[in-house]
């Protein structure tokens, strides 16, 4: 029991009801579950279909920029919730390269290229590749070799 400056008694509550900190991912299995991967791909398909439809009725030239920004933020939040960072050295570089190529494809083809579907599919495939021991080891060895060359 402690006394406040006004003379009221209170019990100091530290770390009550707080969850313990998450452990850092040590590699190995995928951080995306099957349902989350399916929803990411389905969301990418739906966004691409909406963008194509809006391009066909001419108003997509203006609205697709807003849809693209909303979709990018949505993907960013979902990936962060699943402990996937675009800034990591190993998986983040692959995700950023696929994002940049998706944005390039969307801009060049005026939204007719299914870029969000491709981005979601690549993110899910990159994360699923971590589950396969041979692919995961090969990716790790390639990263170590590339970093040793620098």
C-alpha atoms as a PDB file:
ATOM      1  CA  UNK A   1       0.000   0.000   0.000  1.00  0.00           C
ATOM      2  CA  UNK A   2       1.220   3.423  -0.941  1.00  0.00           C
ATOM      3  CA  UNK A   3      -0.092   6.873  -0.169  1.00  0.00           C
ATOM      4  CA  UNK A   4      -0.726   9.361  -2.925  1.00  0.00           C
ATOM      5  CA  UNK A   5       0.142  13.050  -2.513  1.00  0.00           C
ATOM      6  CA  UNK A   6      -3.480  13.649  -1.457  1.00  0.00           C
ATOM      7  CA  UNK A   7      -3.259  11.029   1.262  1.00  0.00           C
ATOM      8  CA  UNK A   8      -5.270   8.337  -0.517  1.00  0.00           C
ATOM      9  CA  UNK A   9      -4.062   4.780  -0.213  1.00  0.00           C
ATOM     10  CA  UNK A  10      -3.640   2.659  -3.298  1.00  0.00           C
ATOM     11  CA  UNK A  11      -2.026  -0.591  -4.363  1.00  0.00           C
ATOM     12  CA  UNK A  12       0.607  -0.346  -7.056  1.00  0.00           C
ATOM     13  CA  UNK A  13      -0.302  -2.560  -9.962  1.00  0.00           C
ATOM     14  CA  UNK A  14       2.563  -3.447 -12.215  1.00  0.00           C
ATOM     15  CA  UNK A  15       2.202  -5.690 -15.240  1.00  0.00           C
ATOM     16  CA  UNK A  16      -1.224  -6.951 -14.186  1.00  0.00           C
ATOM     17  CA  UNK A  17      -3.258  -7.963 -17.189  1.00  0.00           C
ATOM     18  CA  UNK A  18      -0.417  -7.366 -19.613  1.00  0.00           C
ATOM     19  CA  UNK A  19       0.635 -10.086 -21.972  1.00  0.00           C
ATOM     20  CA  UNK A  20       4.251 -11.182 -21.916  1.00  0.00           C
ATOM     21  CA  UNK A  21       6.400  -9.852 -24.765  1.00  0.00           C
ATOM     22  CA  UNK A  22       6.409 -11.921 -27.933  1.00  0.00           C
ATOM     23  CA  UNK A  23       9.467 -13.961 -28.684  1.00  0.00           C
ATOM     24  CA  UNK A  24      11.362 -12.997 -31.780  1.00  0.00           C
ATOM     25  CA  UNK A  25      10.876 -15.283 -34.726  1.00  0.00           C
ATOM     26  CA  UNK A  26      13.728 -17.729 -34.897  1.00  0.00           C
ATOM     27  CA  UNK A  27      13.034 -18.850 -38.467  1.00  0.00           C
ATOM     28  CA  UNK A  28      11.680 -22.234 -39.318  1.00  0.00           C
ATOM     29  CA  UNK A  29       7.954 -22.370 -39.984  1.00  0.00           C
ATOM     30  CA  UNK A  30       5.699 -19.963 -41.751  1.00  0.00           C
ATOM     31  CA  UNK A  31       4.318 -16.986 -39.895  1.00  0.00           C
ATOM     32  CA  UNK A  32       1.209 -16.941 -42.087  1.00  0.00           C
ATOM     33  CA  UNK A  33      -1.499 -19.472 -41.406  1.00  0.00           C
ATOM     34  CA  UNK A  34      -3.390 -21.111 -44.263  1.00  0.00           C
ATOM     35  CA  UNK A  35      -6.512 -19.042 -43.647  1.00  0.00           C
ATOM     36  CA  UNK A  36      -4.581 -15.766 -43.556  1.00  0.00           C
ATOM     37  CA  UNK A  37      -2.740 -16.684 -46.745  1.00  0.00           C
ATOM     38  CA  UNK A  38      -6.009 -17.537 -48.475  1.00  0.00           C
ATOM     39  CA  UNK A  39      -7.591 -14.270 -47.315  1.00  0.00           C
ATOM     40  CA  UNK A  40      -4.586 -12.247 -48.523  1.00  0.00           C
ATOM     41  CA  UNK A  41      -4.807 -13.829 -51.972  1.00  0.00           C
ATOM     42  CA  UNK A  42      -8.605 -13.426 -52.100  1.00  0.00           C
ATOM     43  CA  UNK A  43      -8.287  -9.774 -51.043  1.00  0.00           C
ATOM     44  CA  UNK A  44      -5.723  -9.214 -53.809  1.00  0.00           C
ATOM     45  CA  UNK A  45      -8.038 -10.778 -56.409  1.00  0.00           C
ATOM     46  CA  UNK A  46     -11.014  -8.687 -55.266  1.00  0.00           C
ATOM     47  CA  UNK A  47      -8.992  -5.450 -55.334  1.00  0.00           C
ATOM     48  CA  UNK A  48      -7.668  -6.236 -58.818  1.00  0.00           C
ATOM     49  CA  UNK A  49     -11.177  -6.968 -60.105  1.00  0.00           C
ATOM     50  CA  UNK A  50     -12.454  -3.695 -58.636  1.00  0.00           C
ATOM     51  CA  UNK A  51      -9.579  -1.774 -60.245  1.00  0.00           C
ATOM     52  CA  UNK A  52     -10.170  -3.403 -63.642  1.00  0.00           C
ATOM     53  CA  UNK A  53     -13.903  -2.649 -63.461  1.00  0.00           C
ATOM     54  CA  UNK A  54     -13.255   0.991 -62.531  1.00  0.00           C
ATOM     55  CA  UNK A  55     -10.750   1.300 -65.390  1.00  0.00           C
ATOM     56  CA  UNK A  56     -13.340   0.005 -67.831  1.00  0.00           C
ATOM     57  CA  UNK A  57     -15.875   2.638 -66.783  1.00  0.00           C
ATOM     58  CA  UNK A  58     -13.183   5.365 -66.999  1.00  0.00           C
ATOM     59  CA  UNK A  59     -13.333   6.596 -63.363  1.00  0.00           C
ATOM     60  CA  UNK A  60     -10.563   4.194 -62.379  1.00  0.00           C
ATOM     61  CA  UNK A  61      -7.970   6.733 -63.452  1.00  0.00           C
ATOM     62  CA  UNK A  62      -8.815   8.804 -60.379  1.00  0.00           C
ATOM     63  CA  UNK A  63     -10.117   6.226 -57.909  1.00  0.00           C
ATOM     64  CA  UNK A  64      -7.475   3.527 -58.376  1.00  0.00           C
ATOM     65  CA  UNK A  65      -4.848   5.675 -56.630  1.00  0.00           C
ATOM     66  CA  UNK A  66      -6.975   5.823 -53.491  1.00  0.00           C
ATOM     67  CA  UNK A  67      -7.764   2.122 -53.691  1.00  0.00           C
ATOM     68  CA  UNK A  68      -4.054   1.352 -54.128  1.00  0.00           C
ATOM     69  CA  UNK A  69      -3.058   3.384 -51.076  1.00  0.00           C
ATOM     70  CA  UNK A  70      -5.792   1.743 -48.970  1.00  0.00           C
ATOM     71  CA  UNK A  71      -4.738  -1.710 -50.183  1.00  0.00           C
ATOM     72  CA  UNK A  72      -1.051  -1.052 -49.496  1.00  0.00           C
ATOM     73  CA  UNK A  73      -1.846   0.058 -45.947  1.00  0.00           C
ATOM     74  CA  UNK A  74      -4.091  -2.974 -45.444  1.00  0.00           C
ATOM     75  CA  UNK A  75      -1.387  -5.378 -46.594  1.00  0.00           C
ATOM     76  CA  UNK A  76       1.167  -3.582 -44.410  1.00  0.00           C
ATOM     77  CA  UNK A  77      -1.021  -3.892 -41.300  1.00  0.00           C
ATOM     78  CA  UNK A  78      -1.882  -7.551 -41.944  1.00  0.00           C
ATOM     79  CA  UNK A  79       1.759  -8.455 -42.509  1.00  0.00           C
ATOM     80  CA  UNK A  80       2.806  -6.577 -39.364  1.00  0.00           C
ATOM     81  CA  UNK A  81       0.149  -8.398 -37.331  1.00  0.00           C
ATOM     82  CA  UNK A  82       1.629 -11.660 -38.547  1.00  0.00           C
ATOM     83  CA  UNK A  83       5.141 -10.536 -37.566  1.00  0.00           C
ATOM     84  CA  UNK A  84       6.303 -10.132 -41.175  1.00  0.00           C
ATOM     85  CA  UNK A  85       8.357  -7.026 -41.798  1.00  0.00           C
ATOM     86  CA  UNK A  86       9.163  -5.536 -45.171  1.00  0.00           C
ATOM     87  CA  UNK A  87      12.389  -4.189 -43.686  1.00  0.00           C
ATOM     88  CA  UNK A  88      13.929  -7.499 -42.580  1.00  0.00           C
ATOM     89  CA  UNK A  89      17.120  -8.522 -44.283  1.00  0.00           C
ATOM     90  CA  UNK A  90      16.065 -11.981 -45.432  1.00  0.00           C
ATOM     91  CA  UNK A  91      12.363 -12.024 -46.208  1.00  0.00           C
ATOM     92  CA  UNK A  92      11.868  -8.287 -46.308  1.00  0.00           C
ATOM     93  CA  UNK A  93      14.004  -7.817 -49.398  1.00  0.00           C
ATOM     94  CA  UNK A  94      11.968 -10.364 -51.334  1.00  0.00           C
ATOM     95  CA  UNK A  95       8.713  -8.747 -50.213  1.00  0.00           C
ATOM     96  CA  UNK A  96       9.941  -5.266 -51.122  1.00  0.00           C
ATOM     97  CA  UNK A  97      11.119  -6.418 -54.568  1.00  0.00           C
ATOM     98  CA  UNK A  98       7.740  -8.024 -55.257  1.00  0.00           C
ATOM     99  CA  UNK A  99       5.973  -4.855 -54.028  1.00  0.00           C
ATOM    100  CA  UNK A 100       8.084  -2.585 -56.239  1.00  0.00           C
ATOM    101  CA  UNK A 101       7.540  -4.809 -59.282  1.00  0.00           C
ATOM    102  CA  UNK A 102       3.788  -4.900 -58.531  1.00  0.00           C
ATOM    103  CA  UNK A 103       3.627  -1.101 -58.338  1.00  0.00           C
ATOM    104  CA  UNK A 104       5.592  -0.835 -61.598  1.00  0.00           C
ATOM    105  CA  UNK A 105       3.212  -3.281 -63.303  1.00  0.00           C
ATOM    106  CA  UNK A 106       0.160  -1.429 -62.005  1.00  0.00           C
ATOM    107  CA  UNK A 107       1.444   1.967 -63.187  1.00  0.00           C
ATOM    108  CA  UNK A 108       2.605   0.800 -66.623  1.00  0.00           C
ATOM    109  CA  UNK A 109      -0.601  -1.088 -67.436  1.00  0.00           C
ATOM    110  CA  UNK A 110      -2.905   1.511 -65.806  1.00  0.00           C
ATOM    111  CA  UNK A 111      -4.281  -1.013 -63.296  1.00  0.00           C
ATOM    112  CA  UNK A 112      -5.106  -3.780 -65.788  1.00  0.00           C
ATOM    113  CA  UNK A 113      -2.245  -5.976 -64.542  1.00  0.00           C
ATOM    114  CA  UNK A 114      -3.340  -8.118 -61.541  1.00  0.00           C
ATOM    115  CA  UNK A 115      -0.563  -6.780 -59.360  1.00  0.00           C
ATOM    116  CA  UNK A 116      -2.171  -7.078 -55.927  1.00  0.00           C
ATOM    117  CA  UNK A 117      -2.956 -10.730 -56.578  1.00  0.00           C
ATOM    118  CA  UNK A 118       0.653 -11.315 -57.650  1.00  0.00           C
ATOM    119  CA  UNK A 119       1.998  -9.507 -54.596  1.00  0.00           C
ATOM    120  CA  UNK A 120      -0.224 -11.490 -52.202  1.00  0.00           C
ATOM    121  CA  UNK A 121       0.657 -14.755 -53.937  1.00  0.00           C
ATOM    122  CA  UNK A 122       4.399 -14.047 -53.727  1.00  0.00           C
ATOM    123  CA  UNK A 123       4.204 -13.108 -50.033  1.00  0.00           C
ATOM    124  CA  UNK A 124       2.337 -16.330 -49.235  1.00  0.00           C
ATOM    125  CA  UNK A 125       4.760 -18.410 -51.325  1.00  0.00           C
ATOM    126  CA  UNK A 126       7.803 -16.805 -49.682  1.00  0.00           C
ATOM    127  CA  UNK A 127       6.406 -17.537 -46.237  1.00  0.00           C
ATOM    128  CA  UNK A 128       5.375 -21.091 -47.148  1.00  0.00           C
ATOM    129  CA  UNK A 129       8.864 -21.747 -48.556  1.00  0.00           C
ATOM    130  CA  UNK A 130      10.206 -21.361 -45.022  1.00  0.00           C
ATOM    131  CA  UNK A 131       8.347 -24.549 -44.022  1.00  0.00           C
ATOM    132  CA  UNK A 132      10.151 -26.713 -46.566  1.00  0.00           C
ATOM    133  CA  UNK A 133      13.501 -27.613 -44.983  1.00  0.00           C
ATOM    134  CA  UNK A 134      15.462 -27.857 -48.235  1.00  0.00           C
ATOM    135  CA  UNK A 135      14.189 -24.547 -49.596  1.00  0.00           C
ATOM    136  CA  UNK A 136      14.629 -22.816 -46.246  1.00  0.00           C
ATOM    137  CA  UNK A 137      18.219 -24.037 -45.952  1.00  0.00           C
ATOM    138  CA  UNK A 138      18.986 -23.084 -49.545  1.00  0.00           C
ATOM    139  CA  UNK A 139      17.558 -19.602 -49.015  1.00  0.00           C
ATOM    140  CA  UNK A 140      19.562 -19.208 -45.804  1.00  0.00           C
ATOM    141  CA  UNK A 141      22.768 -20.395 -47.494  1.00  0.00           C
ATOM    142  CA  UNK A 142      22.202 -18.014 -50.417  1.00  0.00           C
ATOM    143  CA  UNK A 143      21.709 -15.130 -47.998  1.00  0.00           C
ATOM    144  CA  UNK A 144      24.897 -15.985 -46.090  1.00  0.00           C
ATOM    145  CA  UNK A 145      26.854 -16.244 -49.343  1.00  0.00           C
ATOM    146  CA  UNK A 146      25.498 -12.923 -50.610  1.00  0.00           C
ATOM    147  CA  UNK A 147      26.278 -11.184 -47.340  1.00  0.00           C
ATOM    148  CA  UNK A 148      29.822 -12.657 -47.298  1.00  0.00           C
ATOM    149  CA  UNK A 149      30.485 -11.290 -50.790  1.00  0.00           C
ATOM    150  CA  UNK A 150      29.741  -7.739 -49.666  1.00  0.00           C
END
